[in-house]
């Protein structure tokens, strides 16, 4: 489970997962723009997004519905989604 479940901590962790899964270079979780469109600006495809979603599901112990994948366009939107799922769970 990630260190912090506050919004900033979730944003930081999602950025780290994306950087790790996509093997991005020259970018850190601190410099990753949380509002960057992952599909249009970063070129993430549906397979990449599915992989990232699976990792986040395992780490946060939540379910990310496949129908929700299209809504998860930025790190901030993913963090908001995770935060909502965690809040609903507690």
N, C-alpha and C. Protein backbone atom coordinates (compact mmCIF):
# COMPACT_ATOMS: atom_id res chain seq x y z
N UNK A 1 0.85 -1.19 0.00
CA UNK A 1 0.00 0.00 0.00
C UNK A 1 0.89 1.24 0.00
N UNK A 2 0.55 2.21 -0.80
CA UNK A 2 1.33 3.45 -0.87
C UNK A 2 1.39 4.14 0.50
N UNK A 3 2.44 4.96 0.67
CA UNK A 3 2.68 5.60 1.95
C UNK A 3 1.55 6.51 2.39
N UNK A 4 1.04 7.32 1.48
CA UNK A 4 0.06 8.33 1.88
C UNK A 4 -1.19 8.24 1.01
N UNK A 5 -2.35 8.31 1.67
CA UNK A 5 -3.60 8.26 0.92
C UNK A 5 -4.26 9.62 0.81
N UNK A 6 -3.53 10.70 1.14
CA UNK A 6 -4.10 12.02 0.87
C UNK A 6 -3.94 12.29 -0.63
N UNK A 7 -4.65 13.28 -1.12
CA UNK A 7 -4.68 13.52 -2.57
C UNK A 7 -3.28 13.72 -3.15
N UNK A 8 -2.45 14.50 -2.45
CA UNK A 8 -1.10 14.76 -2.95
C UNK A 8 -0.28 13.47 -3.00
N UNK A 9 -0.43 12.63 -1.95
CA UNK A 9 0.29 11.37 -1.92
C UNK A 9 -0.17 10.42 -3.03
N UNK A 10 -1.47 10.42 -3.30
CA UNK A 10 -2.00 9.57 -4.37
C UNK A 10 -1.48 10.05 -5.72
N UNK A 11 -1.51 11.36 -5.94
CA UNK A 11 -0.99 11.92 -7.20
C UNK A 11 0.47 11.51 -7.39
N UNK A 12 1.25 11.65 -6.33
CA UNK A 12 2.68 11.31 -6.38
C UNK A 12 2.85 9.82 -6.72
N UNK A 13 2.08 8.98 -6.07
CA UNK A 13 2.22 7.53 -6.30
C UNK A 13 1.77 7.13 -7.70
N UNK A 14 0.67 7.70 -8.17
CA UNK A 14 0.20 7.39 -9.53
C UNK A 14 1.27 7.79 -10.54
N UNK A 15 1.88 8.95 -10.34
CA UNK A 15 2.95 9.39 -11.24
C UNK A 15 4.11 8.39 -11.22
N UNK A 16 4.48 7.93 -10.02
CA UNK A 16 5.57 6.95 -9.91
C UNK A 16 5.23 5.65 -10.63
N UNK A 17 3.98 5.20 -10.50
CA UNK A 17 3.56 3.96 -11.17
C UNK A 17 3.63 4.14 -12.69
N UNK A 18 3.12 5.26 -13.18
CA UNK A 18 3.13 5.51 -14.63
C UNK A 18 4.57 5.59 -15.14
N UNK A 19 5.43 6.30 -14.43
CA UNK A 19 6.83 6.42 -14.84
C UNK A 19 7.49 5.04 -14.86
N UNK A 20 7.22 4.24 -13.84
CA UNK A 20 7.81 2.90 -13.77
C UNK A 20 7.29 1.96 -14.84
N UNK A 21 5.98 1.94 -15.02
CA UNK A 21 5.37 1.01 -15.98
C UNK A 21 5.74 1.37 -17.43
N UNK A 22 5.82 2.66 -17.71
CA UNK A 22 6.11 3.09 -19.09
C UNK A 22 7.60 3.32 -19.32
N UNK A 23 8.39 3.12 -18.24
CA UNK A 23 9.84 3.32 -18.32
C UNK A 23 10.18 4.70 -18.88
N UNK A 24 9.51 5.71 -18.35
CA UNK A 24 9.76 7.08 -18.79
C UNK A 24 11.10 7.57 -18.23
N UNK A 25 11.83 8.25 -19.07
CA UNK A 25 13.11 8.80 -18.64
C UNK A 25 12.99 10.32 -18.60
N UNK A 26 13.90 10.95 -17.89
CA UNK A 26 13.95 12.42 -17.81
C UNK A 26 12.70 13.02 -17.19
N UNK A 27 11.99 12.25 -16.38
CA UNK A 27 10.82 12.79 -15.70
C UNK A 27 10.73 12.11 -14.33
N UNK A 28 10.35 12.91 -13.35
CA UNK A 28 10.18 12.36 -12.00
C UNK A 28 8.75 12.62 -11.56
N UNK A 29 8.36 11.97 -10.47
CA UNK A 29 7.01 12.19 -9.96
C UNK A 29 6.80 13.66 -9.58
N UNK A 30 7.88 14.32 -9.15
CA UNK A 30 7.76 15.73 -8.78
C UNK A 30 7.61 16.65 -9.98
N UNK A 31 8.17 16.26 -11.12
CA UNK A 31 8.10 17.13 -12.30
C UNK A 31 6.98 16.73 -13.26
N UNK A 32 6.30 15.63 -12.98
CA UNK A 32 5.21 15.14 -13.84
C UNK A 32 4.00 16.04 -13.64
N UNK A 33 3.52 16.64 -14.70
CA UNK A 33 2.34 17.52 -14.62
C UNK A 33 1.10 16.65 -14.40
N UNK A 34 0.43 16.79 -13.23
CA UNK A 34 -0.72 15.93 -12.95
C UNK A 34 -1.92 16.19 -13.85
N UNK A 35 -1.88 17.28 -14.61
CA UNK A 35 -2.99 17.61 -15.51
C UNK A 35 -2.68 17.30 -16.97
N UNK A 36 -1.52 16.70 -17.22
CA UNK A 36 -1.16 16.33 -18.60
C UNK A 36 -2.10 15.22 -19.09
N UNK A 37 -2.61 15.38 -20.29
CA UNK A 37 -3.46 14.35 -20.88
C UNK A 37 -2.59 13.16 -21.26
N UNK A 38 -2.82 12.04 -20.58
CA UNK A 38 -1.95 10.87 -20.75
C UNK A 38 -2.05 10.26 -22.14
N UNK A 39 -3.22 10.35 -22.75
CA UNK A 39 -3.41 9.77 -24.08
C UNK A 39 -2.89 10.72 -25.15
N UNK A 40 -3.39 11.97 -25.14
CA UNK A 40 -3.03 12.91 -26.21
C UNK A 40 -1.61 13.44 -26.10
N UNK A 41 -1.15 13.73 -24.87
CA UNK A 41 0.17 14.34 -24.72
C UNK A 41 1.29 13.34 -24.47
N UNK A 42 0.97 12.23 -23.81
CA UNK A 42 2.00 11.26 -23.47
C UNK A 42 1.96 10.03 -24.38
N UNK A 43 0.84 9.82 -25.05
CA UNK A 43 0.73 8.71 -26.00
C UNK A 43 0.44 7.36 -25.36
N UNK A 44 -0.16 7.36 -24.17
CA UNK A 44 -0.54 6.10 -23.53
C UNK A 44 -1.67 5.46 -24.33
N UNK A 45 -1.54 4.16 -24.60
CA UNK A 45 -2.62 3.46 -25.31
C UNK A 45 -3.45 2.67 -24.29
N UNK A 46 -4.48 2.02 -24.77
CA UNK A 46 -5.42 1.33 -23.88
C UNK A 46 -4.74 0.19 -23.11
N UNK A 47 -3.77 -0.46 -23.72
CA UNK A 47 -3.05 -1.54 -23.03
C UNK A 47 -2.22 -0.99 -21.88
N UNK A 48 -1.54 0.14 -22.12
CA UNK A 48 -0.77 0.79 -21.05
C UNK A 48 -1.68 1.19 -19.90
N UNK A 49 -2.81 1.77 -20.23
CA UNK A 49 -3.76 2.22 -19.21
C UNK A 49 -4.29 1.04 -18.41
N UNK A 50 -4.58 -0.06 -19.09
CA UNK A 50 -5.06 -1.26 -18.40
C UNK A 50 -3.99 -1.79 -17.44
N UNK A 51 -2.75 -1.80 -17.87
CA UNK A 51 -1.66 -2.25 -17.01
C UNK A 51 -1.53 -1.36 -15.78
N UNK A 52 -1.56 -0.06 -15.99
CA UNK A 52 -1.47 0.91 -14.89
C UNK A 52 -2.65 0.72 -13.93
N UNK A 53 -3.84 0.55 -14.48
CA UNK A 53 -5.04 0.36 -13.65
C UNK A 53 -4.91 -0.90 -12.79
N UNK A 54 -4.38 -1.98 -13.37
CA UNK A 54 -4.21 -3.22 -12.62
C UNK A 54 -3.23 -3.05 -11.46
N UNK A 55 -2.13 -2.35 -11.72
CA UNK A 55 -1.15 -2.11 -10.66
C UNK A 55 -1.79 -1.28 -9.54
N UNK A 56 -2.51 -0.23 -9.91
CA UNK A 56 -3.15 0.63 -8.91
C UNK A 56 -4.22 -0.13 -8.13
N UNK A 57 -4.97 -0.98 -8.81
CA UNK A 57 -5.98 -1.80 -8.12
C UNK A 57 -5.32 -2.65 -7.04
N UNK A 58 -4.22 -3.31 -7.40
CA UNK A 58 -3.53 -4.17 -6.45
C UNK A 58 -2.98 -3.36 -5.27
N UNK A 59 -2.39 -2.22 -5.55
CA UNK A 59 -1.75 -1.45 -4.50
C UNK A 59 -2.74 -0.77 -3.57
N UNK A 60 -3.85 -0.31 -4.11
CA UNK A 60 -4.84 0.40 -3.28
C UNK A 60 -5.98 -0.50 -2.83
N UNK A 61 -5.98 -1.76 -3.30
CA UNK A 61 -7.04 -2.72 -2.93
C UNK A 61 -8.43 -2.18 -3.29
N UNK A 62 -8.54 -1.68 -4.52
CA UNK A 62 -9.81 -1.17 -5.03
C UNK A 62 -10.10 -1.85 -6.36
N UNK A 63 -11.30 -1.62 -6.89
CA UNK A 63 -11.66 -2.11 -8.21
C UNK A 63 -11.83 -0.90 -9.13
N UNK A 64 -11.12 -0.93 -10.24
CA UNK A 64 -11.27 0.12 -11.25
C UNK A 64 -12.03 -0.50 -12.40
N UNK A 65 -13.25 -0.06 -12.59
CA UNK A 65 -14.13 -0.60 -13.62
C UNK A 65 -13.59 -0.26 -15.01
N UNK A 66 -13.52 -1.26 -15.88
CA UNK A 66 -13.02 -1.02 -17.24
C UNK A 66 -13.80 0.07 -17.95
N UNK A 67 -15.08 0.19 -17.66
CA UNK A 67 -15.89 1.24 -18.29
C UNK A 67 -15.43 2.64 -17.87
N UNK A 68 -14.70 2.72 -16.76
CA UNK A 68 -14.22 4.02 -16.27
C UNK A 68 -12.86 4.41 -16.87
N UNK A 69 -12.19 3.50 -17.53
CA UNK A 69 -10.87 3.79 -18.09
C UNK A 69 -10.84 5.07 -18.94
N UNK A 70 -11.83 5.28 -19.82
CA UNK A 70 -11.78 6.50 -20.65
C UNK A 70 -11.81 7.80 -19.84
N UNK A 71 -12.34 7.75 -18.62
CA UNK A 71 -12.39 8.95 -17.77
C UNK A 71 -11.04 9.25 -17.14
N UNK A 72 -10.17 8.29 -17.11
CA UNK A 72 -8.90 8.42 -16.40
C UNK A 72 -7.82 8.97 -17.32
N UNK A 73 -7.97 10.24 -17.67
CA UNK A 73 -7.12 10.85 -18.69
C UNK A 73 -5.89 11.56 -18.14
N UNK A 74 -5.93 11.93 -16.85
CA UNK A 74 -4.79 12.63 -16.25
C UNK A 74 -4.47 11.99 -14.90
N UNK A 75 -3.31 12.28 -14.40
CA UNK A 75 -2.94 11.76 -13.08
C UNK A 75 -3.91 12.29 -12.03
N UNK A 76 -4.29 13.56 -12.15
CA UNK A 76 -5.21 14.15 -11.18
C UNK A 76 -6.57 13.44 -11.20
N UNK A 77 -7.08 13.13 -12.40
CA UNK A 77 -8.36 12.41 -12.50
C UNK A 77 -8.25 11.00 -11.93
N UNK A 78 -7.11 10.35 -12.16
CA UNK A 78 -6.91 9.01 -11.60
C UNK A 78 -6.86 9.10 -10.08
N UNK A 79 -6.14 10.10 -9.56
CA UNK A 79 -6.05 10.28 -8.10
C UNK A 79 -7.42 10.57 -7.49
N UNK A 80 -8.22 11.40 -8.17
CA UNK A 80 -9.58 11.69 -7.69
C UNK A 80 -10.40 10.40 -7.65
N UNK A 81 -10.28 9.59 -8.69
CA UNK A 81 -11.01 8.33 -8.79
C UNK A 81 -10.61 7.40 -7.64
N UNK A 82 -9.32 7.25 -7.42
CA UNK A 82 -8.83 6.40 -6.34
C UNK A 82 -9.32 6.93 -4.99
N UNK A 83 -9.23 8.24 -4.80
CA UNK A 83 -9.69 8.85 -3.56
C UNK A 83 -11.17 8.57 -3.30
N UNK A 84 -11.99 8.67 -4.34
CA UNK A 84 -13.43 8.36 -4.21
C UNK A 84 -13.64 6.91 -3.82
N UNK A 85 -12.89 6.00 -4.46
CA UNK A 85 -13.03 4.57 -4.15
C UNK A 85 -12.60 4.28 -2.71
N UNK A 86 -11.52 4.90 -2.27
CA UNK A 86 -11.04 4.68 -0.90
C UNK A 86 -12.02 5.25 0.11
N UNK A 87 -12.60 6.40 -0.19
CA UNK A 87 -13.57 7.03 0.71
C UNK A 87 -14.82 6.17 0.82
N UNK A 88 -15.27 5.63 -0.32
CA UNK A 88 -16.48 4.78 -0.33
C UNK A 88 -16.22 3.48 0.43
N UNK A 89 -14.99 3.02 0.42
CA UNK A 89 -14.64 1.77 1.07
C UNK A 89 -14.56 1.91 2.59
N UNK A 90 -14.23 3.11 3.07
CA UNK A 90 -14.03 3.27 4.52
C UNK A 90 -15.29 3.63 5.26
